[in-house]
């Protein structure tokens, strides 16, 4: 198989539906709906081209919670004090 156009919606037998993010004669990167970004050797990958329109991409919802928790940490916890080690996460 040769390079695929960027933005092409494809179906992979193992990872399902995805969008080609980058492709050349050696390597192809595909962002799958359920499995995230995967890279393949272009000449070895087996995919089916899809006529469907890819769904809009959204960021993971848990990211805001993680950033809020990191921002709320006290400076004493970051220094590695004994109190920070005793407190379970």
Protein backbone atom coordinates (compact mmCIF):
# COMPACT_ATOMS: atom_id res chain seq x y z
CA UNK A 1 0.00 0.00 0.00
CA UNK A 2 1.24 3.51 -0.71
CA UNK A 3 0.82 6.75 1.23
CA UNK A 4 -2.73 7.79 2.12
CA UNK A 5 -4.06 11.35 1.99
CA UNK A 6 -4.18 13.19 5.31
CA UNK A 7 -7.71 13.28 6.72
CA UNK A 8 -8.76 10.02 5.01
CA UNK A 9 -11.17 7.98 7.17
CA UNK A 10 -10.17 4.31 7.27
CA UNK A 11 -11.10 1.03 8.95
CA UNK A 12 -8.49 -1.26 10.50
CA UNK A 13 -9.31 -4.88 11.33
CA UNK A 14 -8.05 -4.55 14.93
CA UNK A 15 -8.37 -0.89 15.94
CA UNK A 16 -11.56 0.05 14.10
CA UNK A 17 -12.23 3.42 12.51
CA UNK A 18 -9.61 6.16 12.37
CA UNK A 19 -8.33 9.24 10.56
CA UNK A 20 -4.97 9.39 8.79
CA UNK A 21 -2.94 12.17 10.42
CA UNK A 22 0.34 11.68 8.55
CA UNK A 23 1.47 9.36 5.78
CA UNK A 24 4.44 8.84 3.49
CA UNK A 25 6.04 5.86 1.72
CA UNK A 26 7.64 4.58 4.95
CA UNK A 27 5.31 5.39 7.86
CA UNK A 28 1.63 6.17 8.42
CA UNK A 29 0.08 7.63 11.59
CA UNK A 30 -3.61 7.03 12.25
CA UNK A 31 -5.70 8.52 15.06
CA UNK A 32 -8.26 5.84 15.96
CA UNK A 33 -11.61 6.68 17.53
CA UNK A 34 -11.20 4.27 20.47
CA UNK A 35 -7.48 3.46 20.58
CA UNK A 36 -5.75 6.79 19.98
CA UNK A 37 -2.73 7.44 17.76
CA UNK A 38 -0.98 4.42 16.21
CA UNK A 39 1.93 4.29 13.76
CA UNK A 40 2.32 1.69 11.02
CA UNK A 41 4.85 0.72 8.38
CA UNK A 42 3.01 1.91 5.28
CA UNK A 43 3.93 -1.06 3.08
CA UNK A 44 2.77 -3.60 5.71
CA UNK A 45 -0.47 -2.09 7.02
CA UNK A 46 -3.84 -3.49 5.99
CA UNK A 47 -6.71 -0.98 6.04
CA UNK A 48 -9.93 -0.37 4.16
CA UNK A 49 -10.77 3.10 2.86
CA UNK A 50 -14.08 4.40 4.18
CA UNK A 51 -16.57 6.61 2.39
CA UNK A 52 -17.97 7.81 5.73
CA UNK A 53 -17.22 11.23 7.23
CA UNK A 54 -15.09 11.11 10.38
CA UNK A 55 -16.77 12.27 13.60
CA UNK A 56 -15.56 15.51 15.22
CA UNK A 57 -12.57 15.01 17.53
CA UNK A 58 -13.00 15.87 21.20
CA UNK A 59 -10.48 15.95 24.03
CA UNK A 60 -10.71 13.50 26.90
CA UNK A 61 -12.95 14.78 29.68
CA UNK A 62 -10.70 13.61 32.51
CA UNK A 63 -7.95 16.10 31.59
CA UNK A 64 -9.56 19.05 33.39
CA UNK A 65 -9.80 17.06 36.63
CA UNK A 66 -6.14 16.07 36.48
CA UNK A 67 -4.98 19.64 35.85
CA UNK A 68 -7.20 20.99 38.65
CA UNK A 69 -5.76 18.45 41.09
CA UNK A 70 -2.19 19.31 40.12
CA UNK A 71 -2.85 23.04 40.45
CA UNK A 72 -4.34 22.65 43.94
CA UNK A 73 -1.31 20.87 45.43
CA UNK A 74 0.50 22.76 48.18
CA UNK A 75 4.18 23.69 47.76
CA UNK A 76 5.12 21.56 50.83
CA UNK A 77 3.78 18.45 49.07
CA UNK A 78 5.98 19.01 46.06
CA UNK A 79 9.18 19.20 48.13
CA UNK A 80 8.91 15.58 49.26
CA UNK A 81 8.22 16.29 52.95
CA UNK A 82 7.16 13.33 55.17
CA UNK A 83 3.58 14.65 55.36
CA UNK A 84 3.21 14.39 51.60
CA UNK A 85 4.31 10.74 51.68
CA UNK A 86 1.84 9.80 54.43
CA UNK A 87 -1.21 11.19 52.64
CA UNK A 88 -2.79 8.64 50.23
CA UNK A 89 -3.70 9.87 46.76
